[in-house]
N, C-alpha and C. Protein backbone atom coordinates (compact mmCIF):
# COMPACT_ATOMS: atom_id res chain seq x y z
N UNK A 1 97.43 119.68 114.01
CA UNK A 1 98.05 118.37 114.12
C UNK A 1 99.55 118.49 113.81
N UNK A 2 100.32 117.68 114.50
CA UNK A 2 101.76 117.62 114.29
C UNK A 2 102.12 116.22 113.82
N UNK A 3 102.94 116.14 112.78
CA UNK A 3 103.37 114.85 112.25
C UNK A 3 104.73 114.50 112.84
N UNK A 4 104.82 113.27 113.36
CA UNK A 4 106.04 112.77 113.97
C UNK A 4 106.54 111.59 113.14
N UNK A 5 107.80 111.63 112.72
CA UNK A 5 108.39 110.55 111.93
C UNK A 5 109.12 109.59 112.87
N UNK A 6 108.89 108.29 112.67
CA UNK A 6 109.55 107.28 113.48
C UNK A 6 109.86 106.05 112.62
N UNK A 7 110.76 105.21 113.12
CA UNK A 7 111.15 103.99 112.42
C UNK A 7 110.32 102.82 112.95
N UNK A 8 109.65 102.12 112.04
CA UNK A 8 108.74 101.05 112.43
C UNK A 8 109.29 99.65 112.12
N UNK A 9 110.59 99.48 112.25
CA UNK A 9 111.19 98.14 112.08
C UNK A 9 112.50 98.10 112.86
N UNK A 10 112.98 96.88 113.09
CA UNK A 10 114.26 96.74 113.76
C UNK A 10 115.36 97.22 112.83
N UNK A 11 116.36 97.85 113.35
CA UNK A 11 117.48 98.35 112.56
C UNK A 11 117.86 99.75 112.98
N UNK A 12 116.99 100.71 112.75
CA UNK A 12 117.27 102.07 113.18
C UNK A 12 116.80 103.12 112.21
N UNK A 13 116.52 104.28 112.74
CA UNK A 13 116.10 105.42 111.95
C UNK A 13 117.20 105.83 110.99
N UNK A 14 116.83 106.15 109.78
CA UNK A 14 117.79 106.66 108.82
C UNK A 14 117.10 107.00 107.52
N UNK A 15 117.66 107.96 106.82
CA UNK A 15 117.12 108.39 105.53
C UNK A 15 117.99 107.86 104.40
N UNK A 16 117.35 107.61 103.27
CA UNK A 16 118.10 107.25 102.07
C UNK A 16 118.85 108.47 101.56
N UNK A 17 119.79 108.25 100.68
CA UNK A 17 120.52 109.37 100.08
C UNK A 17 119.57 110.29 99.33
N UNK A 18 118.60 109.71 98.65
CA UNK A 18 117.60 110.50 97.92
C UNK A 18 116.81 111.39 98.87
N UNK A 19 116.45 110.84 100.02
CA UNK A 19 115.69 111.60 101.01
C UNK A 19 116.53 112.73 101.61
N UNK A 20 117.80 112.45 101.88
CA UNK A 20 118.70 113.49 102.41
C UNK A 20 118.81 114.64 101.43
N UNK A 21 119.00 114.32 100.17
CA UNK A 21 119.12 115.37 99.15
C UNK A 21 117.83 116.16 99.01
N UNK A 22 116.70 115.47 99.04
CA UNK A 22 115.40 116.14 98.94
C UNK A 22 115.16 117.04 100.15
N UNK A 23 115.48 116.54 101.33
CA UNK A 23 115.33 117.32 102.56
C UNK A 23 116.18 118.59 102.49
N UNK A 24 117.44 118.43 102.10
CA UNK A 24 118.34 119.58 102.02
C UNK A 24 117.84 120.61 101.02
N UNK A 25 117.34 120.14 99.90
CA UNK A 25 116.81 121.05 98.87
C UNK A 25 115.62 121.84 99.41
N UNK A 26 114.69 121.14 100.06
CA UNK A 26 113.50 121.81 100.60
C UNK A 26 113.84 122.79 101.72
N UNK A 27 114.86 122.46 102.53
CA UNK A 27 115.28 123.33 103.62
C UNK A 27 116.19 124.46 103.15
N UNK A 28 116.75 124.30 101.94
CA UNK A 28 117.68 125.30 101.43
C UNK A 28 119.02 125.25 102.14
N UNK A 29 119.46 124.02 102.48
CA UNK A 29 120.73 123.85 103.19
C UNK A 29 121.62 122.89 102.40
N UNK A 30 122.89 122.84 102.81
CA UNK A 30 123.80 121.88 102.19
C UNK A 30 123.61 120.52 102.85
N UNK A 31 124.14 119.50 102.25
CA UNK A 31 123.95 118.13 102.73
C UNK A 31 124.95 117.73 103.81
N UNK A 32 125.51 118.66 104.49
CA UNK A 32 126.49 118.34 105.53
C UNK A 32 125.80 118.32 106.89
N UNK A 33 124.90 117.37 107.06
CA UNK A 33 124.21 117.22 108.33
C UNK A 33 123.98 115.73 108.57
N UNK A 34 123.75 115.38 109.82
CA UNK A 34 123.48 114.00 110.19
C UNK A 34 121.97 113.81 110.25
N UNK A 35 121.46 112.89 109.47
CA UNK A 35 120.00 112.72 109.41
C UNK A 35 119.40 112.34 110.76
N UNK A 36 120.17 111.74 111.65
CA UNK A 36 119.63 111.39 112.96
C UNK A 36 119.49 112.61 113.87
N UNK A 37 120.05 113.75 113.46
CA UNK A 37 119.92 114.98 114.24
C UNK A 37 118.68 115.79 113.87
N UNK A 38 117.96 115.36 112.85
CA UNK A 38 116.76 116.09 112.43
C UNK A 38 115.66 115.83 113.45
N UNK A 39 115.00 116.89 113.88
CA UNK A 39 113.89 116.76 114.82
C UNK A 39 112.78 115.93 114.17
N UNK A 40 112.27 114.98 114.89
CA UNK A 40 111.27 114.09 114.32
C UNK A 40 109.95 114.77 114.02
N UNK A 41 109.74 115.95 114.62
CA UNK A 41 108.52 116.71 114.33
C UNK A 41 108.77 117.81 113.30
N UNK A 42 109.89 117.73 112.60
CA UNK A 42 110.22 118.67 111.53
C UNK A 42 109.24 118.46 110.38
N UNK A 43 108.49 119.50 110.04
CA UNK A 43 107.47 119.36 108.99
C UNK A 43 108.07 119.02 107.63
N UNK A 44 109.29 119.47 107.37
CA UNK A 44 109.96 119.14 106.11
C UNK A 44 110.32 117.66 106.08
N UNK A 45 110.77 117.11 107.21
CA UNK A 45 111.06 115.68 107.28
C UNK A 45 109.80 114.88 106.97
N UNK A 46 108.68 115.25 107.57
CA UNK A 46 107.42 114.56 107.30
C UNK A 46 107.04 114.68 105.83
N UNK A 47 107.25 115.84 105.25
CA UNK A 47 106.95 116.05 103.83
C UNK A 47 107.78 115.11 102.96
N UNK A 48 109.07 115.00 103.27
CA UNK A 48 109.96 114.12 102.51
C UNK A 48 109.48 112.67 102.60
N UNK A 49 109.14 112.21 103.80
CA UNK A 49 108.67 110.84 103.98
C UNK A 49 107.36 110.62 103.23
N UNK A 50 106.47 111.58 103.27
CA UNK A 50 105.20 111.45 102.55
C UNK A 50 105.41 111.44 101.04
N UNK A 51 106.27 112.31 100.56
CA UNK A 51 106.48 112.42 99.11
C UNK A 51 107.24 111.22 98.54
N UNK A 52 108.26 110.74 99.26
CA UNK A 52 109.09 109.67 98.72
C UNK A 52 108.60 108.27 99.12
N UNK A 53 107.78 108.19 100.13
CA UNK A 53 107.30 106.89 100.57
C UNK A 53 108.47 105.99 100.96
N UNK A 54 108.45 104.72 100.55
CA UNK A 54 109.53 103.78 100.91
C UNK A 54 110.91 104.22 100.40
N UNK A 55 110.96 105.05 99.40
CA UNK A 55 112.25 105.52 98.89
C UNK A 55 112.94 106.47 99.86
N UNK A 56 112.23 106.90 100.90
CA UNK A 56 112.83 107.75 101.94
C UNK A 56 113.59 106.92 102.98
N UNK A 57 113.31 105.63 103.04
CA UNK A 57 113.89 104.76 104.06
C UNK A 57 115.39 104.59 103.88
N UNK A 58 116.11 104.69 104.99
CA UNK A 58 117.52 104.35 105.00
C UNK A 58 117.68 102.84 104.90
N UNK A 59 118.92 102.37 104.96
CA UNK A 59 119.22 100.95 104.75
C UNK A 59 118.49 100.02 105.72
N UNK A 60 118.28 100.45 106.94
CA UNK A 60 117.66 99.59 107.96
C UNK A 60 116.44 100.26 108.57
N UNK A 61 115.66 100.95 107.74
CA UNK A 61 114.54 101.73 108.27
C UNK A 61 113.25 101.47 107.49
N UNK A 62 112.15 101.66 108.17
CA UNK A 62 110.82 101.66 107.58
C UNK A 62 110.11 102.85 108.24
N UNK A 63 110.23 104.02 107.61
CA UNK A 63 109.76 105.25 108.23
C UNK A 63 108.25 105.40 108.12
N UNK A 64 107.66 105.80 109.21
CA UNK A 64 106.23 106.02 109.31
C UNK A 64 105.97 107.38 109.95
N UNK A 65 104.74 107.81 109.85
CA UNK A 65 104.33 109.09 110.43
C UNK A 65 103.13 108.85 111.33
N UNK A 66 103.18 109.45 112.50
CA UNK A 66 102.01 109.46 113.39
C UNK A 66 101.63 110.91 113.63
N UNK A 67 100.35 111.20 113.50
CA UNK A 67 99.87 112.55 113.75
C UNK A 67 99.35 112.66 115.17
N UNK A 68 99.77 113.72 115.83
CA UNK A 68 99.33 114.00 117.19
C UNK A 68 98.73 115.39 117.25
N UNK A 69 97.78 115.57 118.13
CA UNK A 69 97.24 116.90 118.38
C UNK A 69 98.37 117.81 118.84
N UNK A 70 98.41 119.02 118.35
CA UNK A 70 99.43 119.97 118.79
C UNK A 70 99.36 120.12 120.31
N UNK A 71 100.51 120.12 120.94
CA UNK A 71 100.57 120.25 122.40
C UNK A 71 100.58 118.92 123.14
N UNK A 72 100.45 117.80 122.41
CA UNK A 72 100.47 116.47 123.04
C UNK A 72 101.88 116.13 123.49
N UNK A 73 102.03 115.70 124.74
CA UNK A 73 103.32 115.24 125.23
C UNK A 73 103.56 113.84 124.69
N UNK A 74 104.79 113.58 124.19
CA UNK A 74 105.11 112.26 123.66
C UNK A 74 106.59 111.96 123.84
N UNK A 75 106.90 110.68 123.75
CA UNK A 75 108.30 110.25 123.69
C UNK A 75 108.40 109.22 122.57
N UNK A 76 109.60 109.10 122.02
CA UNK A 76 109.86 108.04 121.06
C UNK A 76 110.62 106.96 121.82
N UNK A 77 109.96 105.82 121.97
CA UNK A 77 110.54 104.68 122.66
C UNK A 77 111.23 103.81 121.60
N UNK A 78 112.39 103.27 121.94
CA UNK A 78 113.18 102.51 120.96
C UNK A 78 113.64 101.20 121.55
N UNK A 79 113.53 100.14 120.75
CA UNK A 79 114.02 98.82 121.13
C UNK A 79 114.74 98.21 119.93
N UNK A 80 116.06 98.15 119.99
CA UNK A 80 116.88 97.59 118.92
C UNK A 80 116.59 98.25 117.57
N UNK A 81 116.35 99.55 117.61
CA UNK A 81 116.11 100.31 116.39
C UNK A 81 114.66 100.50 116.05
N UNK A 82 113.78 99.62 116.54
CA UNK A 82 112.35 99.78 116.28
C UNK A 82 111.79 100.80 117.26
N UNK A 83 111.08 101.77 116.73
CA UNK A 83 110.58 102.87 117.55
C UNK A 83 109.05 102.84 117.61
N UNK A 84 108.54 103.39 118.69
CA UNK A 84 107.11 103.63 118.82
C UNK A 84 106.93 104.97 119.52
N UNK A 85 105.83 105.59 119.24
CA UNK A 85 105.53 106.88 119.86
C UNK A 85 104.52 106.65 120.97
N UNK A 86 104.88 107.10 122.15
CA UNK A 86 104.01 106.96 123.31
C UNK A 86 103.61 108.35 123.80
N UNK A 87 102.34 108.52 124.01
CA UNK A 87 101.84 109.80 124.52
C UNK A 87 101.64 109.70 126.02
N UNK A 88 101.48 110.84 126.63
CA UNK A 88 101.33 110.94 128.07
C UNK A 88 100.21 110.03 128.58
N UNK A 89 99.09 109.97 127.86
CA UNK A 89 97.96 109.17 128.33
C UNK A 89 98.09 107.68 127.97
N UNK A 90 99.10 107.31 127.17
CA UNK A 90 99.33 105.91 126.83
C UNK A 90 100.33 105.23 127.77
N UNK A 91 101.03 106.02 128.56
CA UNK A 91 102.03 105.47 129.48
C UNK A 91 101.38 105.04 130.78
N UNK A 92 101.86 103.94 131.33
CA UNK A 92 101.36 103.42 132.60
C UNK A 92 102.23 104.01 133.71
N UNK A 93 101.87 105.20 134.15
CA UNK A 93 102.66 105.89 135.18
C UNK A 93 102.48 105.21 136.52
N UNK A 94 103.56 105.11 137.25
CA UNK A 94 103.54 104.61 138.63
C UNK A 94 103.76 105.78 139.56
N UNK A 95 103.13 105.74 140.70
CA UNK A 95 103.30 106.81 141.69
C UNK A 95 103.95 106.24 142.94
N UNK A 96 105.02 106.89 143.39
CA UNK A 96 105.76 106.41 144.58
C UNK A 96 105.04 106.83 145.83
């Protein structure tokens, strides 16, 4: 299973300062990175969200995790900062 982190409220994905520091510590890196550049399937990101719970949320975020079977195709759909994860079999594909 792969854990995918997404923002479940209007506003936008973002980590709290506490979450950024915890992520950097676990990764063994300095804090000079943009939290929006972190891959959403990064296992350390999922660990931070699980360990800190709501304290991981940035100012306008409510971070959640969805688990997908490894190898599942997915996209993160976004509307005004609120995100949802859509898998290949959940999309209504049209054929030309």
